[in-house]
């Protein structure tokens, strides 16, 4: 019958990954919807394959070979026979997905899931969202949209599927979006470094103190990196109004030796620290700073004293 969902069991000769045990392995492979019932008892196998199932199986095999146009013709024929078959809808989504037509594919993943909520299809949808977010991150600059997409992917992803690639992509998007602390946490979470996340959050608490003025020492790699920065070391701050690169420049010295400059550009600042421009008129020749800690692998945090 046209719209009746017909359970299907994998048979010898079917394309690889056409059955119950399909997960969502590494990109670009997509999983095929199983028979859907997950019953413990075994059903008797059908001796014949319906026309729709045969077309769907052939379409799945063709898309696996990269023959997307032919695959699309066949799966459309299958859907003409059974428009609401979740397996056929999943296969059409896979063909669109692997053709790079991600947003169209999502429509068919959603239709399949609305009829029959299966883990393998949710995994396929999550992977499609991942690929869409990655494509947009490479080609576009709407980072808010990209963040929404990768968050949707993470929310859709089944619990038994590895999330590392998704979290790393989210970290990259957050970095581009100007959220370096959240980005670092995402990368650490993907790598399982939970202790380092705790360390960052402890430092964040310190940086939220409204009674302190915090700065970042930039350019340390041009001097001696972190070598001069011992716990609690006192830093001398010297204005350089004649600096040809930045009239607001403030040089940082330890015992008369230059170790860097107070950060004054967007790439070296975070919300919790003040720029050289912001503090240049707020201190006199007696104002100094105290080194606190390194932060996010590229910052050297100090506070005015």
C-alpha atoms as a PDB file:
ATOM      1  CA  UNK A   1       0.000   0.000   0.000  1.00  0.00           C
ATOM      2  CA  UNK A   2       1.228   3.476  -0.829  1.00  0.00           C
ATOM      3  CA  UNK A   3       1.832   5.175   2.527  1.00  0.00           C
ATOM      4  CA  UNK A   4       2.143   2.078   4.678  1.00  0.00           C
ATOM      5  CA  UNK A   5       5.589   1.721   6.287  1.00  0.00           C
ATOM      6  CA  UNK A   6       6.951  -1.709   5.425  1.00  0.00           C
ATOM      7  CA  UNK A   7       9.624  -3.152   7.779  1.00  0.00           C
ATOM      8  CA  UNK A   8      12.757  -4.302   5.985  1.00  0.00           C
ATOM      9  CA  UNK A   9      15.502  -6.719   7.034  1.00  0.00           C
ATOM     10  CA  UNK A  10      19.036  -6.591   5.693  1.00  0.00           C
ATOM     11  CA  UNK A  11      19.807  -9.281   3.139  1.00  0.00           C
ATOM     12  CA  UNK A  12      22.968 -10.635   1.584  1.00  0.00           C
ATOM     13  CA  UNK A  13      23.900  -8.370  -1.301  1.00  0.00           C
ATOM     14  CA  UNK A  14      22.549  -5.186   0.290  1.00  0.00           C
ATOM     15  CA  UNK A  15      24.882  -2.158   0.404  1.00  0.00           C
ATOM     16  CA  UNK A  16      27.222  -2.014   3.387  1.00  0.00           C
ATOM     17  CA  UNK A  17      25.635  -0.308   6.360  1.00  0.00           C
ATOM     18  CA  UNK A  18      22.090  -1.029   5.217  1.00  0.00           C
ATOM     19  CA  UNK A  19      20.869  -2.596   8.447  1.00  0.00           C
ATOM     20  CA  UNK A  20      20.269  -2.589  12.167  1.00  0.00           C
ATOM     21  CA  UNK A  21      23.823  -2.089  13.382  1.00  0.00           C
ATOM     22  CA  UNK A  22      24.471   1.152  11.528  1.00  0.00           C
ATOM     23  CA  UNK A  23      25.879   4.016  13.568  1.00  0.00           C
ATOM     24  CA  UNK A  24      27.214   7.311  12.268  1.00  0.00           C
ATOM     25  CA  UNK A  25      30.952   6.839  11.672  1.00  0.00           C
ATOM     26  CA  UNK A  26      33.360   9.514  10.548  1.00  0.00           C
ATOM     27  CA  UNK A  27      32.320  11.923   7.801  1.00  0.00           C
ATOM     28  CA  UNK A  28      31.264  11.494   5.026  1.00  0.00           C
ATOM     29  CA  UNK A  29      29.492   8.156   5.623  1.00  0.00           C
ATOM     30  CA  UNK A  30      25.804   8.249   6.480  1.00  0.00           C
ATOM     31  CA  UNK A  31      23.722   5.538   8.141  1.00  0.00           C
ATOM     32  CA  UNK A  32      20.701   3.820   6.686  1.00  0.00           C
ATOM     33  CA  UNK A  33      17.545   3.529   8.770  1.00  0.00           C
ATOM     34  CA  UNK A  34      17.011   0.073  10.233  1.00  0.00           C
ATOM     35  CA  UNK A  35      13.780  -1.900  10.416  1.00  0.00           C
ATOM     36  CA  UNK A  36      12.826   0.296  13.307  1.00  0.00           C
ATOM     37  CA  UNK A  37      11.401  -2.015  15.923  1.00  0.00           C
ATOM     38  CA  UNK A  38      14.490  -3.241  17.835  1.00  0.00           C
ATOM     39  CA  UNK A  39      12.562  -6.274  19.025  1.00  0.00           C
ATOM     40  CA  UNK A  40      14.385  -9.070  20.778  1.00  0.00           C
ATOM     41  CA  UNK A  41      12.608 -11.784  18.835  1.00  0.00           C
ATOM     42  CA  UNK A  42      13.605 -12.286  15.232  1.00  0.00           C
ATOM     43  CA  UNK A  43      11.031 -11.710  12.527  1.00  0.00           C
ATOM     44  CA  UNK A  44      10.848 -14.077   9.576  1.00  0.00           C
ATOM     45  CA  UNK A  45      12.643 -12.658   6.550  1.00  0.00           C
ATOM     46  CA  UNK A  46      10.610 -11.688   3.535  1.00  0.00           C
ATOM     47  CA  UNK A  47      11.244 -13.759   0.465  1.00  0.00           C
ATOM     48  CA  UNK A  48      10.600 -10.798  -1.825  1.00  0.00           C
ATOM     49  CA  UNK A  49      11.518  -7.117  -1.791  1.00  0.00           C
ATOM     50  CA  UNK A  50       8.871  -4.501  -2.521  1.00  0.00           C
ATOM     51  CA  UNK A  51       9.444  -2.170  -5.510  1.00  0.00           C
ATOM     52  CA  UNK A  52       9.943   0.810  -3.177  1.00  0.00           C
ATOM     53  CA  UNK A  53      12.512  -0.984  -1.040  1.00  0.00           C
ATOM     54  CA  UNK A  54      14.349  -2.158  -4.141  1.00  0.00           C
ATOM     55  CA  UNK A  55      14.500   1.393  -5.513  1.00  0.00           C
ATOM     56  CA  UNK A  56      15.619   2.752  -2.137  1.00  0.00           C
ATOM     57  CA  UNK A  57      18.349   0.143  -1.838  1.00  0.00           C
ATOM     58  CA  UNK A  58      19.616   0.895  -5.352  1.00  0.00           C
ATOM     59  CA  UNK A  59      19.547   4.647  -4.644  1.00  0.00           C
ATOM     60  CA  UNK A  60      21.551   4.152  -1.443  1.00  0.00           C
ATOM     61  CA  UNK A  61      24.174   2.175  -3.333  1.00  0.00           C
ATOM     62  CA  UNK A  62      24.402   4.752  -6.140  1.00  0.00           C
ATOM     63  CA  UNK A  63      24.883   7.658  -3.720  1.00  0.00           C
ATOM     64  CA  UNK A  64      27.604   5.653  -1.995  1.00  0.00           C
ATOM     65  CA  UNK A  65      29.349   5.574  -5.387  1.00  0.00           C
ATOM     66  CA  UNK A  66      28.923   9.337  -5.814  1.00  0.00           C
ATOM     67  CA  UNK A  67      26.250   8.995  -8.511  1.00  0.00           C
ATOM     68  CA  UNK A  68      23.907  11.455  -6.862  1.00  0.00           C
ATOM     69  CA  UNK A  69      21.746  12.373  -9.855  1.00  0.00           C
ATOM     70  CA  UNK A  70      20.882   8.751 -10.591  1.00  0.00           C
ATOM     71  CA  UNK A  71      20.363   8.064  -6.909  1.00  0.00           C
ATOM     72  CA  UNK A  72      17.961  10.995  -6.623  1.00  0.00           C
ATOM     73  CA  UNK A  73      15.880   9.749  -9.556  1.00  0.00           C
ATOM     74  CA  UNK A  74      15.473   6.343  -7.927  1.00  0.00           C
ATOM     75  CA  UNK A  75      14.666   7.578  -4.432  1.00  0.00           C
ATOM     76  CA  UNK A  76      12.069   9.967  -5.846  1.00  0.00           C
ATOM     77  CA  UNK A  77      10.453   6.982  -7.549  1.00  0.00           C
ATOM     78  CA  UNK A  78      10.415   5.151  -4.214  1.00  0.00           C
ATOM     79  CA  UNK A  79       8.822   8.163  -2.529  1.00  0.00           C
ATOM     80  CA  UNK A  80       6.169   8.302  -5.237  1.00  0.00           C
ATOM     81  CA  UNK A  81       5.217   4.789  -4.138  1.00  0.00           C
ATOM     82  CA  UNK A  82       5.382   5.547  -0.399  1.00  0.00           C
ATOM     83  CA  UNK A  83       5.673   9.296   0.350  1.00  0.00           C
ATOM     84  CA  UNK A  84       5.795   8.871   4.129  1.00  0.00           C
ATOM     85  CA  UNK A  85       8.275   6.023   4.371  1.00  0.00           C
ATOM     86  CA  UNK A  86      10.892   7.224   6.911  1.00  0.00           C
ATOM     87  CA  UNK A  87      13.590   5.033   5.386  1.00  0.00           C
ATOM     88  CA  UNK A  88      13.111   6.544   1.933  1.00  0.00           C
ATOM     89  CA  UNK A  89      13.073  10.061   3.397  1.00  0.00           C
ATOM     90  CA  UNK A  90      16.336   9.326   5.208  1.00  0.00           C
ATOM     91  CA  UNK A  91      17.947   8.077   1.988  1.00  0.00           C
ATOM     92  CA  UNK A  92      16.848  11.199   0.103  1.00  0.00           C
ATOM     93  CA  UNK A  93      18.307  13.327   2.896  1.00  0.00           C
ATOM     94  CA  UNK A  94      21.591  11.403   2.678  1.00  0.00           C
ATOM     95  CA  UNK A  95      21.785  11.973  -1.092  1.00  0.00           C
ATOM     96  CA  UNK A  96      21.168  15.709  -0.678  1.00  0.00           C
ATOM     97  CA  UNK A  97      23.600  15.827   2.248  1.00  0.00           C
ATOM     98  CA  UNK A  98      26.456  14.150   0.416  1.00  0.00           C
ATOM     99  CA  UNK A  99      25.730  16.399  -2.590  1.00  0.00           C
ATOM    100  CA  UNK A 100      26.461  19.420  -0.386  1.00  0.00           C
ATOM    101  CA  UNK A 101      22.804  20.493  -0.286  1.00  0.00           C
ATOM    102  CA  UNK A 102      22.753  20.548   3.488  1.00  0.00           C
ATOM    103  CA  UNK A 103      19.746  22.754   4.156  1.00  0.00           C
ATOM    104  CA  UNK A 104      17.569  20.736   1.773  1.00  0.00           C
ATOM    105  CA  UNK A 105      18.785  17.537   3.414  1.00  0.00           C
ATOM    106  CA  UNK A 106      17.717  18.767   6.846  1.00  0.00           C
ATOM    107  CA  UNK A 107      14.124  19.077   5.641  1.00  0.00           C
ATOM    108  CA  UNK A 108      14.040  15.370   4.788  1.00  0.00           C
ATOM    109  CA  UNK A 109      15.837  14.278   7.960  1.00  0.00           C
ATOM    110  CA  UNK A 110      13.185  16.160   9.925  1.00  0.00           C
ATOM    111  CA  UNK A 111      10.374  14.562   7.928  1.00  0.00           C
ATOM    112  CA  UNK A 112      11.832  11.112   8.562  1.00  0.00           C
ATOM    113  CA  UNK A 113      12.216  11.809  12.280  1.00  0.00           C
ATOM    114  CA  UNK A 114       8.677  13.175  12.565  1.00  0.00           C
ATOM    115  CA  UNK A 115       7.385   9.801  11.354  1.00  0.00           C
ATOM    116  CA  UNK A 116       9.821   7.549  13.177  1.00  0.00           C
ATOM    117  CA  UNK A 117      12.374   8.906  15.663  1.00  0.00           C
ATOM    118  CA  UNK A 118      15.472   6.764  15.113  1.00  0.00           C
ATOM    119  CA  UNK A 119      18.939   7.279  16.559  1.00  0.00           C
ATOM    120  CA  UNK A 120      20.650   6.653  13.225  1.00  0.00           C
ATOM    121  CA  UNK A 121      18.644   9.421  11.538  1.00  0.00           C
ATOM    122  CA  UNK A 122      19.314  11.819  14.409  1.00  0.00           C
ATOM    123  CA  UNK A 123      22.988  11.010  13.985  1.00  0.00           C
ATOM    124  CA  UNK A 124      22.742  11.717  10.264  1.00  0.00           C
ATOM    125  CA  UNK A 125      20.972  15.009  10.934  1.00  0.00           C
ATOM    126  CA  UNK A 126      23.576  16.030  13.522  1.00  0.00           C
ATOM    127  CA  UNK A 127      26.368  15.279  11.068  1.00  0.00           C
ATOM    128  CA  UNK A 128      24.586  17.299   8.383  1.00  0.00           C
ATOM    129  CA  UNK A 129      24.308  20.247  10.780  1.00  0.00           C
ATOM    130  CA  UNK A 130      28.012  19.883  11.589  1.00  0.00           C
ATOM    131  CA  UNK A 131      28.919  19.989   7.903  1.00  0.00           C
ATOM    132  CA  UNK A 132      26.639  22.983   7.317  1.00  0.00           C
ATOM    133  CA  UNK A 133      28.194  24.885  10.237  1.00  0.00           C
ATOM    134  CA  UNK A 134      31.688  24.033   9.016  1.00  0.00           C
ATOM    135  CA  UNK A 135      30.889  25.175   5.460  1.00  0.00           C
ATOM    136  CA  UNK A 136      29.431  28.446   6.706  1.00  0.00           C
ATOM    137  CA  UNK A 137      32.386  29.024   9.039  1.00  0.00           C
ATOM    138  CA  UNK A 138      34.745  28.697   6.076  1.00  0.00           C
ATOM    139  CA  UNK A 139      32.723  30.802   3.629  1.00  0.00           C
ATOM    140  CA  UNK A 140      30.706  33.264   5.736  1.00  0.00           C
ATOM    141  CA  UNK A 141      31.053  35.543   8.764  1.00  0.00           C
ATOM    142  CA  UNK A 142      27.648  35.211  10.441  1.00  0.00           C
ATOM    143  CA  UNK A 143      29.108  33.563  13.524  1.00  0.00           C
ATOM    144  CA  UNK A 144      25.870  33.803  15.519  1.00  0.00           C
ATOM    145  CA  UNK A 145      24.120  31.682  12.882  1.00  0.00           C
ATOM    146  CA  UNK A 146      27.012  29.210  12.839  1.00  0.00           C
ATOM    147  CA  UNK A 147      26.904  28.935  16.624  1.00  0.00           C
ATOM    148  CA  UNK A 148      23.170  28.227  16.523  1.00  0.00           C
ATOM    149  CA  UNK A 149      23.725  25.479  13.935  1.00  0.00           C
ATOM    150  CA  UNK A 150      26.520  23.700  15.814  1.00  0.00           C
ATOM    151  CA  UNK A 151      24.537  23.944  19.071  1.00  0.00           C
ATOM    152  CA  UNK A 152      21.608  22.321  17.261  1.00  0.00           C
ATOM    153  CA  UNK A 153      23.968  19.593  16.050  1.00  0.00           C
ATOM    154  CA  UNK A 154      25.205  18.909  19.584  1.00  0.00           C
ATOM    155  CA  UNK A 155      21.646  18.813  20.907  1.00  0.00           C
ATOM    156  CA  UNK A 156      20.604  16.387  18.148  1.00  0.00           C
ATOM    157  CA  UNK A 157      23.598  14.054  18.370  1.00  0.00           C
ATOM    158  CA  UNK A 158      22.809  10.692  20.027  1.00  0.00           C
ATOM    159  CA  UNK A 159      24.584  10.132  23.344  1.00  0.00           C
ATOM    160  CA  UNK A 160      26.642   7.217  22.048  1.00  0.00           C
ATOM    161  CA  UNK A 161      28.294   9.234  19.260  1.00  0.00           C
ATOM    162  CA  UNK A 162      31.659  10.941  19.847  1.00  0.00           C
ATOM    163  CA  UNK A 163      31.281  14.728  20.206  1.00  0.00           C
ATOM    164  CA  UNK A 164      34.915  15.808  19.899  1.00  0.00           C
ATOM    165  CA  UNK A 165      34.757  17.092  16.296  1.00  0.00           C
ATOM    166  CA  UNK A 166      31.578  19.006  17.087  1.00  0.00           C
ATOM    167  CA  UNK A 167      33.081  20.653  20.167  1.00  0.00           C
ATOM    168  CA  UNK A 168      36.274  21.603  18.340  1.00  0.00           C
ATOM    169  CA  UNK A 169      34.221  23.226  15.567  1.00  0.00           C
ATOM    170  CA  UNK A 170      32.171  25.079  18.171  1.00  0.00           C
ATOM    171  CA  UNK A 171      35.434  26.271  19.711  1.00  0.00           C
ATOM    172  CA  UNK A 172      36.627  27.573  16.338  1.00  0.00           C
ATOM    173  CA  UNK A 173      33.354  29.431  15.797  1.00  0.00           C
ATOM    174  CA  UNK A 174      33.478  30.951  19.289  1.00  0.00           C
ATOM    175  CA  UNK A 175      37.046  32.103  18.619  1.00  0.00           C
ATOM    176  CA  UNK A 176      35.934  33.805  15.398  1.00  0.00           C
ATOM    177  CA  UNK A 177      32.968  35.275  17.281  1.00  0.00           C
ATOM    178  CA  UNK A 178      35.342  37.010  19.703  1.00  0.00           C
ATOM    179  CA  UNK A 179      34.687  34.687  22.654  1.00  0.00           C
ATOM    180  CA  UNK A 180      38.154  33.233  23.370  1.00  0.00           C
ATOM    181  CA  UNK A 181      37.441  31.989  26.902  1.00  0.00           C
ATOM    182  CA  UNK A 182      34.393  29.980  25.846  1.00  0.00           C
ATOM    183  CA  UNK A 183      36.322  28.763  22.793  1.00  0.00           C
ATOM    184  CA  UNK A 184      39.175  27.471  24.935  1.00  0.00           C
ATOM    185  CA  UNK A 185      36.753  25.654  27.225  1.00  0.00           C
ATOM    186  CA  UNK A 186      35.162  23.935  24.215  1.00  0.00           C
ATOM    187  CA  UNK A 187      38.517  22.698  22.947  1.00  0.00           C
ATOM    188  CA  UNK A 188      39.480  21.482  26.415  1.00  0.00           C
ATOM    189  CA  UNK A 189      36.142  19.710  26.828  1.00  0.00           C
ATOM    190  CA  UNK A 190      36.644  17.999  23.468  1.00  0.00           C
ATOM    191  CA  UNK A 191      40.063  16.827  24.662  1.00  0.00           C
ATOM    192  CA  UNK A 192      38.746  15.672  28.041  1.00  0.00           C
ATOM    193  CA  UNK A 193      40.929  18.142  29.973  1.00  0.00           C
ATOM    194  CA  UNK A 194      38.390  18.992  32.644  1.00  0.00           C
ATOM    195  CA  UNK A 195      40.999  20.054  35.230  1.00  0.00           C
ATOM    196  CA  UNK A 196      42.192  22.781  32.875  1.00  0.00           C
ATOM    197  CA  UNK A 197      38.613  24.016  32.487  1.00  0.00           C
ATOM    198  CA  UNK A 198      38.408  24.260  36.288  1.00  0.00           C
ATOM    199  CA  UNK A 199      41.656  26.266  36.295  1.00  0.00           C
ATOM    200  CA  UNK A 200      40.294  28.719  33.717  1.00  0.00           C
ATOM    201  CA  UNK A 201      37.099  29.180  35.706  1.00  0.00           C
ATOM    202  CA  UNK A 202      39.056  29.909  38.895  1.00  0.00           C
ATOM    203  CA  UNK A 203      41.007  32.609  37.043  1.00  0.00           C
ATOM    204  CA  UNK A 204      37.761  33.995  35.611  1.00  0.00           C
ATOM    205  CA  UNK A 205      36.480  34.502  39.155  1.00  0.00           C
ATOM    206  CA  UNK A 206      39.557  36.587  39.953  1.00  0.00           C
ATOM    207  CA  UNK A 207      39.137  38.667  36.789  1.00  0.00           C
ATOM    208  CA  UNK A 208      35.531  39.498  37.703  1.00  0.00           C
ATOM    209  CA  UNK A 209      36.619  41.499  40.783  1.00  0.00           C
ATOM    210  CA  UNK A 210      35.203  45.000  40.102  1.00  0.00           C
ATOM    211  CA  UNK A 211      37.616  46.618  42.552  1.00  0.00           C
ATOM    212  CA  UNK A 212      40.724  45.714  40.557  1.00  0.00           C
ATOM    213  CA  UNK A 213      42.092  46.932  37.223  1.00  0.00           C
ATOM    214  CA  UNK A 214      43.526  44.085  35.181  1.00  0.00           C
ATOM    215  CA  UNK A 215      45.792  44.292  32.135  1.00  0.00           C
ATOM    216  CA  UNK A 216      47.293  41.851  29.663  1.00  0.00           C
ATOM    217  CA  UNK A 217      50.991  42.031  28.815  1.00  0.00           C
ATOM    218  CA  UNK A 218      51.297  41.543  25.056  1.00  0.00           C
ATOM    219  CA  UNK A 219      54.350  41.011  22.878  1.00  0.00           C
ATOM    220  CA  UNK A 220      56.204  38.859  25.411  1.00  0.00           C
ATOM    221  CA  UNK A 221      57.341  36.501  22.636  1.00  0.00           C
ATOM    222  CA  UNK A 222      59.550  39.300  21.278  1.00  0.00           C
ATOM    223  CA  UNK A 223      61.448  39.403  24.556  1.00  0.00           C
ATOM    224  CA  UNK A 224      61.819  36.453  26.940  1.00  0.00           C
ATOM    225  CA  UNK A 225      58.296  35.003  26.847  1.00  0.00           C
ATOM    226  CA  UNK A 226      57.197  34.037  30.367  1.00  0.00           C
ATOM    227  CA  UNK A 227      60.694  33.567  31.778  1.00  0.00           C
ATOM    228  CA  UNK A 228      60.825  36.920  33.671  1.00  0.00           C
ATOM    229  CA  UNK A 229      57.302  36.527  35.084  1.00  0.00           C
ATOM    230  CA  UNK A 230      57.717  34.976  38.511  1.00  0.00           C
ATOM    231  CA  UNK A 231      54.818  34.727  40.974  1.00  0.00           C
ATOM    232  CA  UNK A 232      53.923  38.188  42.263  1.00  0.00           C
ATOM    233  CA  UNK A 233      56.732  39.993  40.406  1.00  0.00           C
ATOM    234  CA  UNK A 234      56.272  43.782  40.241  1.00  0.00           C
ATOM    235  CA  UNK A 235      56.054  45.420  36.812  1.00  0.00           C
ATOM    236  CA  UNK A 236      57.037  48.991  35.940  1.00  0.00           C
ATOM    237  CA  UNK A 237      54.743  50.765  33.465  1.00  0.00           C
ATOM    238  CA  UNK A 238      56.263  53.446  31.220  1.00  0.00           C
ATOM    239  CA  UNK A 239      54.213  55.542  28.805  1.00  0.00           C
ATOM    240  CA  UNK A 240      55.594  55.906  25.268  1.00  0.00           C
ATOM    241  CA  UNK A 241      53.725  58.846  23.680  1.00  0.00           C
ATOM    242  CA  UNK A 242      56.336  59.027  20.911  1.00  0.00           C
ATOM    243  CA  UNK A 243      55.852  55.374  19.903  1.00  0.00           C
ATOM    244  CA  UNK A 244      55.426  55.404  16.103  1.00  0.00           C
ATOM    245  CA  UNK A 245      53.051  52.426  16.144  1.00  0.00           C
ATOM    246  CA  UNK A 246      50.769  53.476  19.016  1.00  0.00           C
ATOM    247  CA  UNK A 247      50.793  56.838  20.793  1.00  0.00           C
ATOM    248  CA  UNK A 248      48.991  55.207  23.723  1.00  0.00           C
ATOM    249  CA  UNK A 249      51.680  52.540  24.102  1.00  0.00           C
ATOM    250  CA  UNK A 250      52.729  51.566  27.622  1.00  0.00           C
ATOM    251  CA  UNK A 251      55.978  49.638  27.973  1.00  0.00           C
ATOM    252  CA  UNK A 252      56.289  47.005  30.691  1.00  0.00           C
ATOM    253  CA  UNK A 253      59.623  46.487  32.458  1.00  0.00           C
ATOM    254  CA  UNK A 254      61.005  44.218  35.166  1.00  0.00           C
ATOM    255  CA  UNK A 255      64.124  45.596  36.870  1.00  0.00           C
ATOM    256  CA  UNK A 256      64.744  47.949  33.941  1.00  0.00           C
ATOM    257  CA  UNK A 257      64.356  45.262  31.270  1.00  0.00           C
ATOM    258  CA  UNK A 258      61.494  45.428  28.735  1.00  0.00           C
ATOM    259  CA  UNK A 259      59.282  42.325  28.870  1.00  0.00           C
ATOM    260  CA  UNK A 260      56.299  43.448  26.762  1.00  0.00           C
ATOM    261  CA  UNK A 261      53.608  46.102  26.333  1.00  0.00           C
ATOM    262  CA  UNK A 262      50.167  46.638  27.821  1.00  0.00           C
ATOM    263  CA  UNK A 263      47.740  45.105  25.322  1.00  0.00           C
ATOM    264  CA  UNK A 264      45.928  47.654  23.176  1.00  0.00           C
ATOM    265  CA  UNK A 265      44.395  45.810  20.223  1.00  0.00           C
ATOM    266  CA  UNK A 266      41.255  43.701  19.876  1.00  0.00           C
ATOM    267  CA  UNK A 267      43.197  40.495  19.271  1.00  0.00           C
ATOM    268  CA  UNK A 268      45.003  40.804  22.604  1.00  0.00           C
ATOM    269  CA  UNK A 269      42.119  41.932  24.814  1.00  0.00           C
ATOM    270  CA  UNK A 270      39.198  40.286  26.592  1.00  0.00           C
ATOM    271  CA  UNK A 271      36.290  41.961  28.381  1.00  0.00           C
ATOM    272  CA  UNK A 272      37.854  41.498  31.802  1.00  0.00           C
ATOM    273  CA  UNK A 273      41.050  43.487  31.102  1.00  0.00           C
ATOM    274  CA  UNK A 274      41.689  47.142  30.326  1.00  0.00           C
ATOM    275  CA  UNK A 275      43.607  48.393  27.310  1.00  0.00           C
ATOM    276  CA  UNK A 276      46.565  50.762  27.351  1.00  0.00           C
ATOM    277  CA  UNK A 277      44.286  53.508  26.019  1.00  0.00           C
ATOM    278  CA  UNK A 278      41.825  52.950  28.875  1.00  0.00           C
ATOM    279  CA  UNK A 279      44.425  53.170  31.640  1.00  0.00           C
ATOM    280  CA  UNK A 280      46.935  55.698  30.265  1.00  0.00           C
ATOM    281  CA  UNK A 281      45.358  58.636  32.106  1.00  0.00           C
ATOM    282  CA  UNK A 282      44.541  56.657  35.248  1.00  0.00           C
ATOM    283  CA  UNK A 283      48.028  56.166  36.646  1.00  0.00           C
ATOM    284  CA  UNK A 284      51.071  58.266  37.438  1.00  0.00           C
ATOM    285  CA  UNK A 285      54.801  57.556  37.550  1.00  0.00           C
ATOM    286  CA  UNK A 286      54.387  55.671  40.820  1.00  0.00           C
ATOM    287  CA  UNK A 287      51.718  53.287  39.520  1.00  0.00           C
ATOM    288  CA  UNK A 288      52.937  49.795  38.865  1.00  0.00           C
ATOM    289  CA  UNK A 289      51.419  46.384  38.242  1.00  0.00           C
ATOM    290  CA  UNK A 290      51.708  42.961  39.830  1.00  0.00           C
ATOM    291  CA  UNK A 291      51.963  39.822  37.713  1.00  0.00           C
ATOM    292  CA  UNK A 292      49.186  37.308  38.444  1.00  0.00           C
ATOM    293  CA  UNK A 293      49.093  34.397  35.968  1.00  0.00           C
ATOM    294  CA  UNK A 294      49.218  33.275  32.336  1.00  0.00           C
ATOM    295  CA  UNK A 295      45.820  32.933  30.681  1.00  0.00           C
ATOM    296  CA  UNK A 296      44.472  31.198  27.547  1.00  0.00           C
ATOM    297  CA  UNK A 297      47.976  30.262  26.356  1.00  0.00           C
ATOM    298  CA  UNK A 298      48.707  33.732  24.961  1.00  0.00           C
ATOM    299  CA  UNK A 299      47.903  36.216  27.736  1.00  0.00           C
ATOM    300  CA  UNK A 300      49.927  37.415  30.715  1.00  0.00           C
ATOM    301  CA  UNK A 301      47.572  38.893  33.296  1.00  0.00           C
ATOM    302  CA  UNK A 302      48.588  41.543  35.831  1.00  0.00           C
ATOM    303  CA  UNK A 303      46.742  44.056  38.008  1.00  0.00           C
ATOM    304  CA  UNK A 304      47.493  47.698  38.719  1.00  0.00           C
ATOM    305  CA  UNK A 305      48.778  48.456  42.224  1.00  0.00           C
END
